């Protein structure tokens, strides 16, 4: 279960920011999102859980509703897709 991964295409600038400047980027490595290149950000199970703790006013927060699993930066939402277990 800990090997699960989700990826979103956020654009290069947003992926870099999420991986290096967001509040979760300052946590222990297993809780950080990873910039996997080409404007994509990856979350493992622990990183996803950490991002779910962010409030709606913080960039990088996660929602999971009828619209799907998404990471938010400002007013922009990026869909996270399950890629592996």
Protein backbone atom coordinates (compact mmCIF):
# COMPACT_ATOMS: atom_id res chain seq x y z
CA UNK A 1 0.00 0.00 0.00
CA UNK A 2 2.90 2.38 0.63
CA UNK A 3 4.09 1.93 -2.96
CA UNK A 4 1.02 3.60 -4.42
CA UNK A 5 1.71 6.66 -6.55
CA UNK A 6 -0.35 9.45 -8.10
CA UNK A 7 0.86 11.89 -10.77
CA UNK A 8 -0.53 15.23 -11.94
CA UNK A 9 0.51 17.37 -14.89
CA UNK A 10 0.84 20.80 -13.32
CA UNK A 11 3.32 22.51 -15.59
CA UNK A 12 7.03 22.92 -14.93
CA UNK A 13 6.79 25.98 -12.68
CA UNK A 14 4.05 24.48 -10.47
CA UNK A 15 5.75 21.07 -10.20
CA UNK A 16 9.00 22.73 -9.18
CA UNK A 17 7.22 24.90 -6.62
CA UNK A 18 5.30 21.98 -5.10
CA UNK A 19 8.49 19.91 -4.78
CA UNK A 20 10.73 22.67 -3.40
CA UNK A 21 8.72 25.51 -1.86
CA UNK A 22 5.35 24.20 -0.66
CA UNK A 23 4.82 23.51 3.03
CA UNK A 24 4.97 19.75 2.41
CA UNK A 25 8.31 20.18 0.56
CA UNK A 26 9.86 21.01 3.94
CA UNK A 27 8.86 17.69 5.52
CA UNK A 28 10.90 14.49 5.72
CA UNK A 29 11.61 13.12 2.25
CA UNK A 30 8.98 10.36 2.40
CA UNK A 31 6.26 13.02 2.90
CA UNK A 32 7.32 15.30 0.03
CA UNK A 33 5.86 15.47 -3.47
CA UNK A 34 8.46 14.76 -6.17
CA UNK A 35 9.00 16.73 -9.36
CA UNK A 36 9.36 13.90 -11.91
CA UNK A 37 10.09 16.22 -14.83
CA UNK A 38 8.19 17.54 -17.83
CA UNK A 39 5.78 19.47 -15.60
CA UNK A 40 4.62 16.46 -13.58
CA UNK A 41 4.43 16.05 -9.81
CA UNK A 42 4.23 12.71 -8.04
CA UNK A 43 2.81 11.83 -4.62
CA UNK A 44 3.27 8.57 -2.77
CA UNK A 45 0.80 7.50 -0.08
CA UNK A 46 2.59 9.39 2.70
CA UNK A 47 3.04 12.57 0.64
CA UNK A 48 -0.62 12.50 -0.37
CA UNK A 49 -1.63 12.16 3.28
CA UNK A 50 0.56 15.12 4.26
CA UNK A 51 -0.90 17.29 1.49
CA UNK A 52 -4.43 16.40 2.63
CA UNK A 53 -3.59 18.10 5.95
CA UNK A 54 -3.15 21.47 4.24
CA UNK A 55 -5.99 23.97 4.45
CA UNK A 56 -7.86 25.29 1.42
CA UNK A 57 -6.04 28.60 1.75
CA UNK A 58 -2.67 26.89 1.14
CA UNK A 59 -1.32 26.07 -2.29
CA UNK A 60 -0.74 22.36 -2.70
CA UNK A 61 -3.86 21.25 -0.83
CA UNK A 62 -5.70 18.15 -2.03
CA UNK A 63 -9.39 17.58 -2.66
CA UNK A 64 -11.08 14.27 -3.32
CA UNK A 65 -14.69 14.59 -4.39
CA UNK A 66 -17.02 13.93 -7.33
CA UNK A 67 -14.60 15.86 -9.54
CA UNK A 68 -11.77 13.44 -8.66
CA UNK A 69 -8.53 13.66 -6.73
CA UNK A 70 -6.92 17.05 -7.37
CA UNK A 71 -4.05 19.22 -6.18
CA UNK A 72 -4.71 22.97 -6.08
CA UNK A 73 -2.45 25.93 -6.73
CA UNK A 74 -4.36 29.18 -6.43
CA UNK A 75 -7.57 28.81 -8.43
CA UNK A 76 -6.12 26.04 -10.62
CA UNK A 77 -6.81 22.36 -9.95
CA UNK A 78 -4.73 19.56 -11.42
CA UNK A 79 -6.09 16.02 -11.52
CA UNK A 80 -4.01 13.35 -9.84
CA UNK A 81 -4.04 10.00 -11.59
CA UNK A 82 -3.23 6.71 -9.88
CA UNK A 83 -0.21 5.17 -11.63
CA UNK A 84 1.16 2.22 -9.61
CA UNK A 85 1.02 0.08 -6.54
